[in-house]
Protein backbone atom coordinates (compact mmCIF):
# COMPACT_ATOMS: atom_id res chain seq x y z
CA UNK A 1 0.04 0.24 0.14
CA UNK A 2 2.79 2.48 0.69
CA UNK A 3 4.56 1.37 -2.45
CA UNK A 4 1.07 2.29 -4.21
CA UNK A 5 0.79 5.51 -2.67
CA UNK A 6 4.47 6.55 -3.76
CA UNK A 7 3.59 5.75 -6.87
CA UNK A 8 0.44 7.87 -7.17
CA UNK A 9 2.38 10.89 -5.62
CA UNK A 10 5.16 10.32 -8.38
CA UNK A 11 2.80 10.03 -10.96
CA UNK A 12 0.36 12.96 -9.93
CA UNK A 13 3.57 15.15 -9.38
CA UNK A 14 4.92 14.47 -12.94
CA UNK A 15 1.74 15.32 -14.38
CA UNK A 16 1.53 18.70 -12.35
CA UNK A 17 5.06 19.56 -13.70
CA UNK A 18 4.20 18.58 -17.00
CA UNK A 19 2.46 21.82 -18.13
CA UNK A 20 0.86 23.33 -21.33
CA UNK A 21 2.11 25.53 -23.92
CA UNK A 22 -0.89 28.06 -25.18
CA UNK A 23 -0.36 29.25 -29.09
CA UNK A 24 -2.33 32.13 -30.40
CA UNK A 25 -3.47 31.41 -34.11
CA UNK A 26 -3.65 34.64 -35.76
CA UNK A 27 -5.69 34.00 -38.69
CA UNK A 28 -8.06 31.29 -36.86
CA UNK A 29 -8.99 33.66 -33.72
CA UNK A 30 -8.45 30.58 -31.90
CA UNK A 31 -5.68 29.08 -29.22
CA UNK A 32 -4.45 25.74 -29.48
CA UNK A 33 -3.31 24.55 -25.95
CA UNK A 34 -0.49 21.78 -26.21
CA UNK A 35 0.12 19.34 -23.25
CA UNK A 36 4.07 19.20 -22.63
CA UNK A 37 3.84 15.19 -21.53
CA UNK A 38 1.97 14.27 -24.86
CA UNK A 39 3.02 16.77 -27.21
CA UNK A 40 -0.82 16.58 -28.21
CA UNK A 41 -3.40 19.39 -28.98
CA UNK A 42 -5.80 19.25 -25.95
CA UNK A 43 -8.04 22.15 -26.78
CA UNK A 44 -8.94 24.42 -28.98
CA UNK A 45 -10.81 27.99 -27.82
CA UNK A 46 -12.02 30.68 -29.66
CA UNK A 47 -10.82 34.42 -29.27
CA UNK A 48 -11.41 37.86 -30.37
CA UNK A 49 -9.95 38.69 -33.50
CA UNK A 50 -6.36 38.00 -34.67
CA UNK A 51 -5.16 37.04 -31.59
CA UNK A 52 -1.22 37.82 -31.55
CA UNK A 53 0.42 38.19 -27.99
CA UNK A 54 -0.15 36.22 -25.22
CA UNK A 55 0.77 36.49 -21.56
CA UNK A 56 0.18 34.76 -18.17
CA UNK A 57 -0.58 36.62 -14.81
CA UNK A 58 2.51 35.75 -12.08
CA UNK A 59 0.09 33.07 -10.44
CA UNK A 60 -1.24 31.86 -14.23
CA UNK A 61 -5.19 32.28 -12.93
CA UNK A 62 -5.46 34.75 -15.73
CA UNK A 63 -4.29 34.91 -19.50
CA UNK A 64 -4.23 38.06 -21.95
CA UNK A 65 -4.55 37.94 -25.09
CA UNK A 66 -3.86 41.04 -27.65
CA UNK A 67 -7.29 40.24 -29.71
CA UNK A 68 -5.41 42.84 -32.72
CA UNK A 69 -8.38 43.28 -34.98
CA UNK A 70 -10.75 43.51 -31.81
CA UNK A 71 -8.84 46.55 -30.77
CA UNK A 72 -8.94 45.02 -26.81
CA UNK A 73 -6.88 42.55 -24.53
CA UNK A 74 -9.22 40.09 -23.80
CA UNK A 75 -8.53 38.35 -19.81
CA UNK A 76 -9.25 34.56 -20.10
CA UNK A 77 -9.57 32.00 -17.30
CA UNK A 78 -7.19 29.41 -18.36
CA UNK A 79 -9.03 26.58 -16.53
CA UNK A 80 -12.39 27.19 -18.52
CA UNK A 81 -11.50 28.90 -21.76
CA UNK A 82 -13.93 31.52 -20.95
CA UNK A 83 -13.22 35.20 -21.51
CA UNK A 84 -13.43 36.41 -18.18
CA UNK A 85 -13.56 40.81 -19.50
CA UNK A 86 -11.86 43.07 -21.97
CA UNK A 87 -9.18 45.39 -21.15
CA UNK A 88 -8.97 48.92 -23.04
CA UNK A 89 -5.77 48.65 -25.19
CA UNK A 90 -5.55 51.39 -27.65
CA UNK A 91 -6.03 50.75 -31.34
CA UNK A 92 -4.36 47.38 -32.53
CA UNK A 93 -2.41 45.79 -29.82
CA UNK A 94 0.31 43.65 -30.91
CA UNK A 95 2.50 42.82 -28.46
CA UNK A 96 2.39 43.83 -24.71
CA UNK A 97 4.13 42.72 -21.19
CA UNK A 98 3.20 42.17 -17.93
CA UNK A 99 4.93 44.56 -15.23
CA UNK A 100 6.69 42.45 -12.47
CA UNK A 101 4.05 44.25 -10.04
CA UNK A 102 1.34 41.88 -11.77
CA UNK A 103 -0.57 45.02 -12.29
CA UNK A 104 0.22 46.92 -15.15
CA UNK A 105 0.08 45.92 -18.76
CA UNK A 106 2.26 47.66 -21.44
CA UNK A 107 0.64 47.16 -24.61
CA UNK A 108 2.17 48.30 -28.07
CA UNK A 109 -0.18 50.20 -30.46
CA UNK A 110 0.94 49.48 -33.90
CA UNK A 111 -1.34 51.62 -35.64
CA UNK A 112 -1.53 54.52 -33.11
CA UNK A 113 2.33 54.83 -32.22
CA UNK A 114 1.83 54.73 -28.90
CA UNK A 115 2.55 52.50 -25.79
CA UNK A 116 -0.47 52.03 -23.68
CA UNK A 117 -0.38 51.13 -19.99
CA UNK A 118 -3.59 49.70 -18.23
CA UNK A 119 -3.99 48.91 -14.75
CA UNK A 120 -5.49 44.76 -14.80
CA UNK A 121 -7.72 45.43 -11.64
CA UNK A 122 -9.20 48.62 -12.07
CA UNK A 123 -9.55 48.30 -15.99
CA UNK A 124 -8.07 51.70 -16.50
CA UNK A 125 -5.50 53.39 -18.57
CA UNK A 126 -3.16 54.73 -16.74
CA UNK A 127 -1.06 56.32 -19.15
CA UNK A 128 -0.50 56.53 -23.05
CA UNK A 129 3.15 57.18 -23.98
CA UNK A 130 4.00 58.70 -27.80
CA UNK A 131 6.72 56.24 -29.10
CA UNK A 132 7.95 56.02 -32.85
CA UNK A 133 5.70 54.69 -36.00
CA UNK A 134 4.67 51.09 -35.63
CA UNK A 135 5.42 50.05 -32.21
CA UNK A 136 5.50 46.11 -31.91
CA UNK A 137 8.18 44.80 -29.46
CA UNK A 138 7.95 45.08 -25.59
CA UNK A 139 10.18 43.94 -22.90
CA UNK A 140 10.62 44.70 -18.91
CA UNK A 141 13.55 44.93 -16.70
CA UNK A 142 13.72 42.53 -13.91
CA UNK A 143 13.17 44.93 -11.22
CA UNK A 144 10.35 46.59 -13.02
CA UNK A 145 12.17 49.73 -13.55
CA UNK A 146 12.13 50.34 -17.49
CA UNK A 147 9.98 49.04 -20.12
CA UNK A 148 11.31 49.05 -23.92
CA UNK A 149 9.04 49.64 -26.67
CA UNK A 150 10.47 48.98 -30.71
CA UNK A 151 9.52 50.96 -33.24
CA UNK A 152 9.33 48.99 -36.63
CA UNK A 153 9.59 52.02 -38.74
CA UNK A 154 11.58 54.45 -36.64
CA UNK A 155 13.87 51.65 -36.30
CA UNK A 156 14.41 52.35 -32.18
CA UNK A 157 14.22 51.10 -28.99
CA UNK A 158 12.75 53.62 -26.61
CA UNK A 159 13.58 53.23 -22.98
CA UNK A 160 10.34 54.27 -20.69
CA UNK A 161 10.75 54.89 -17.01
CA UNK A 162 7.68 53.01 -15.47
CA UNK A 163 7.69 55.59 -12.01
CA UNK A 164 7.09 58.40 -14.67
CA UNK A 165 5.49 56.43 -17.42
CA UNK A 166 7.99 58.56 -19.75
CA UNK A 167 10.66 57.80 -22.28
CA UNK A 168 14.20 58.53 -21.26
CA UNK A 169 16.09 57.51 -23.83
CA UNK A 170 15.92 56.25 -27.68
CA UNK A 171 18.73 54.15 -29.20
CA UNK A 172 18.67 53.29 -32.89
CA UNK A 173 19.23 49.78 -33.91
CA UNK A 174 18.49 47.91 -37.78
CA UNK A 175 15.90 47.81 -39.52
CA UNK A 176 12.33 47.04 -38.56
CA UNK A 177 13.10 46.19 -35.03
CA UNK A 178 10.58 43.34 -33.96
CA UNK A 179 11.21 41.84 -30.47
CA UNK A 180 13.48 42.77 -27.33
CA UNK A 181 14.27 41.07 -23.98
CA UNK A 182 16.47 42.17 -20.88
CA UNK A 183 19.01 39.32 -19.80
CA UNK A 184 18.06 37.64 -16.56
CA UNK A 185 20.37 40.28 -14.80
CA UNK A 186 19.08 43.21 -16.28
CA UNK A 187 22.70 44.33 -17.27
CA UNK A 188 21.81 44.08 -21.21
CA UNK A 189 18.88 44.52 -23.56
CA UNK A 190 18.63 42.57 -26.83
CA UNK A 191 16.76 43.93 -29.95
CA UNK A 192 16.24 41.82 -33.02
CA UNK A 193 15.92 43.62 -36.30
CA UNK A 194 13.62 41.76 -38.83
CA UNK A 195 15.08 43.43 -42.28
CA UNK A 196 18.54 44.47 -40.62
CA UNK A 197 19.11 40.85 -40.19
CA UNK A 198 20.98 41.25 -36.95
CA UNK A 199 20.37 41.35 -33.18
CA UNK A 200 21.78 44.74 -31.28
CA UNK A 201 22.97 44.32 -27.93
CA UNK A 202 23.00 47.19 -25.33
CA UNK A 203 24.36 47.79 -21.79
CA UNK A 204 21.42 48.68 -19.73
CA UNK A 205 23.50 51.41 -17.77
CA UNK A 206 24.05 54.06 -20.28
CA UNK A 207 21.95 52.38 -23.51
CA UNK A 208 25.10 52.00 -25.29
CA UNK A 209 25.63 49.88 -28.02
CA UNK A 210 28.06 46.80 -27.03
CA UNK A 211 27.63 44.32 -29.98
CA UNK A 212 25.94 43.20 -32.93
CA UNK A 213 24.72 39.52 -34.16
CA UNK A 214 24.75 38.68 -37.63
CA UNK A 215 23.43 35.81 -39.29
CA UNK A 216 23.98 33.09 -42.08
CA UNK A 217 22.30 29.90 -42.65
CA UNK A 218 23.85 27.57 -45.26
CA UNK A 219 21.73 27.40 -48.37
CA UNK A 220 19.69 29.94 -47.53
CA UNK A 221 19.46 33.56 -48.99
CA UNK A 222 20.51 36.35 -46.47
CA UNK A 223 17.12 38.37 -47.39
CA UNK A 224 15.14 35.39 -45.97
CA UNK A 225 17.56 35.27 -42.35
CA UNK A 226 15.03 37.59 -40.24
CA UNK A 227 15.02 37.86 -36.43
CA UNK A 228 12.11 37.95 -34.75
CA UNK A 229 11.54 36.72 -31.45
CA UNK A 230 14.03 34.93 -28.99
CA UNK A 231 14.81 33.91 -25.45
CA UNK A 232 17.32 33.01 -23.19
CA UNK A 233 17.82 29.66 -21.10
CA UNK A 234 17.55 29.36 -17.82
CA UNK A 235 20.94 29.96 -17.11
CA UNK A 236 21.04 32.71 -19.64
CA UNK A 237 24.14 31.39 -21.36
CA UNK A 238 22.30 30.58 -24.82
CA UNK A 239 19.72 32.59 -26.60
CA UNK A 240 17.30 30.83 -28.71
CA UNK A 241 16.47 33.14 -31.98
CA UNK A 242 13.76 32.35 -34.67
CA UNK A 243 14.86 33.20 -37.96
CA UNK A 244 11.82 33.69 -39.70
CA UNK A 245 11.29 32.97 -43.23
CA UNK A 246 14.85 31.08 -43.01
CA UNK A 247 12.88 28.58 -41.36
CA UNK A 248 15.77 28.00 -38.91
CA UNK A 249 16.24 28.53 -35.32
CA UNK A 250 19.74 30.12 -34.46
CA UNK A 251 21.38 29.08 -31.06
CA UNK A 252 23.40 31.86 -29.93
CA UNK A 253 26.51 32.19 -27.25
CA UNK A 254 25.05 35.07 -24.86
CA UNK A 255 28.18 35.84 -23.54
CA UNK A 256 30.68 35.42 -26.69
CA UNK A 257 27.64 36.69 -28.85
CA UNK A 258 28.97 33.80 -31.50
CA UNK A 259 26.07 31.59 -33.32
CA UNK A 260 26.66 28.22 -32.14
CA UNK A 261 24.29 26.29 -34.56
CA UNK A 262 21.27 26.42 -36.48
CA UNK A 263 17.95 24.34 -36.34
CA UNK A 264 15.46 23.75 -39.13
CA UNK A 265 11.88 24.08 -38.07
CA UNK A 266 8.53 24.93 -39.70
CA UNK A 267 7.89 27.62 -42.19
CA UNK A 268 8.30 31.59 -40.85
CA UNK A 269 9.18 30.69 -37.52
CA UNK A 270 8.08 33.64 -35.51
CA UNK A 271 7.95 32.97 -31.41
CA UNK A 272 8.69 30.54 -28.91
CA UNK A 273 8.03 29.55 -25.42
CA UNK A 274 9.99 26.64 -23.37
CA UNK A 275 8.37 23.68 -21.38
CA UNK A 276 8.03 24.45 -17.72
CA UNK A 277 11.19 22.15 -16.86
CA UNK A 278 13.27 24.33 -19.87
CA UNK A 279 14.06 20.97 -21.29
CA UNK A 280 12.04 21.72 -24.75
CA UNK A 281 11.34 24.73 -26.71
CA UNK A 282 8.23 25.05 -28.66
CA UNK A 283 8.34 27.40 -31.31
CA UNK A 284 5.50 28.93 -33.82
CA UNK A 285 5.66 28.39 -37.40
CA UNK A 286 3.55 30.95 -39.19
CA UNK A 287 3.28 29.45 -42.67
CA UNK A 288 3.44 25.58 -41.80
CA UNK A 289 0.38 26.39 -39.05
CA UNK A 290 2.59 23.96 -36.54
CA UNK A 291 4.85 24.49 -33.90
CA UNK A 292 8.31 22.68 -33.59
CA UNK A 293 9.36 20.74 -30.54
CA UNK A 294 13.11 21.25 -29.99
CA UNK A 295 15.02 19.37 -27.64
CA UNK A 296 17.46 21.74 -25.69
CA UNK A 297 19.89 19.63 -24.80
CA UNK A 298 20.49 17.75 -27.80
CA UNK A 299 19.33 20.93 -30.00
CA UNK A 300 17.32 18.97 -32.17
CA UNK A 301 13.51 19.32 -33.72
CA UNK A 302 11.65 15.91 -32.31
CA UNK A 303 8.27 17.10 -33.00
CA UNK A 304 5.94 18.90 -35.09
CA UNK A 305 2.52 19.73 -33.93
CA UNK A 306 -0.23 21.21 -36.41
CA UNK A 307 -2.37 23.63 -34.41
CA UNK A 308 -4.49 26.37 -36.24
CA UNK A 309 -3.46 28.88 -39.03
CA UNK A 310 -0.47 31.33 -38.76
CA UNK A 311 0.67 30.55 -35.07
CA UNK A 312 2.16 33.66 -33.56
CA UNK A 313 2.36 33.65 -29.87
CA UNK A 314 3.52 31.55 -27.29
CA UNK A 315 3.21 31.24 -23.44
CA UNK A 316 3.73 28.65 -21.06
CA UNK A 317 1.32 27.32 -18.43
CA UNK A 318 3.15 24.72 -15.71
């Protein structure tokens, strides 16, 4: 009996740790939920029009969805798939970032050239910050003091003080910046430039450029090597970078800035999310309508999972 109880406890613990990967399908107006243990889609949930950016609250009890063509952010109960309410977002919300206080959403409004700040409890807009043309990428520093908005047409990263809700610096990057991330210690900021084909690395303290990462995929024309979404491993030593229509993920040494490997995935890879235990990476491949699962240790694609049309965003739920 004791052995049975122990076995059941281990099975339950494993199931609890397995987790889910949530995918936004921008052409289907749906979310696909992938079980990390079985690597199968277990649920398909309807959303507002053209869902793109998705992120969970800190306790994973709420899912925020940028329903871009509905001009709103939807708040969903992930347990039931029910949309609880909507938040004012400004026009055409594309990406957003949740402040570490679990309260303020910073939203890029692509058509309005503003970043909208929404209080998720009062459901009110508390600030609208003028940024460059076609803002998209969003990042927040680990200490919550700075938020970044990248503007695709202005080719800038805008540094926003979260106390004053004002821009305190603007830094140039290469053409069409799409995504930004702070390193885990907050000391550096990485910004990907889709058309420029690069990632620019800044020192956070002085907003100074310290490195430029370039990519070259054998057999792929340089025009098709377009870095967009990326993320860092748990130890912060490696970055995985989606290279758009090149259909590859780049593996970058985050200390030397050298590209160590390329992994073939689906067509037009866009964004990604790690599994809860950080051993697998799930990439959204827009044109092929699937998600590639990468084994982190082996740096190999191990499975392709069919989801909806034009999968865009990805978020992990333990």
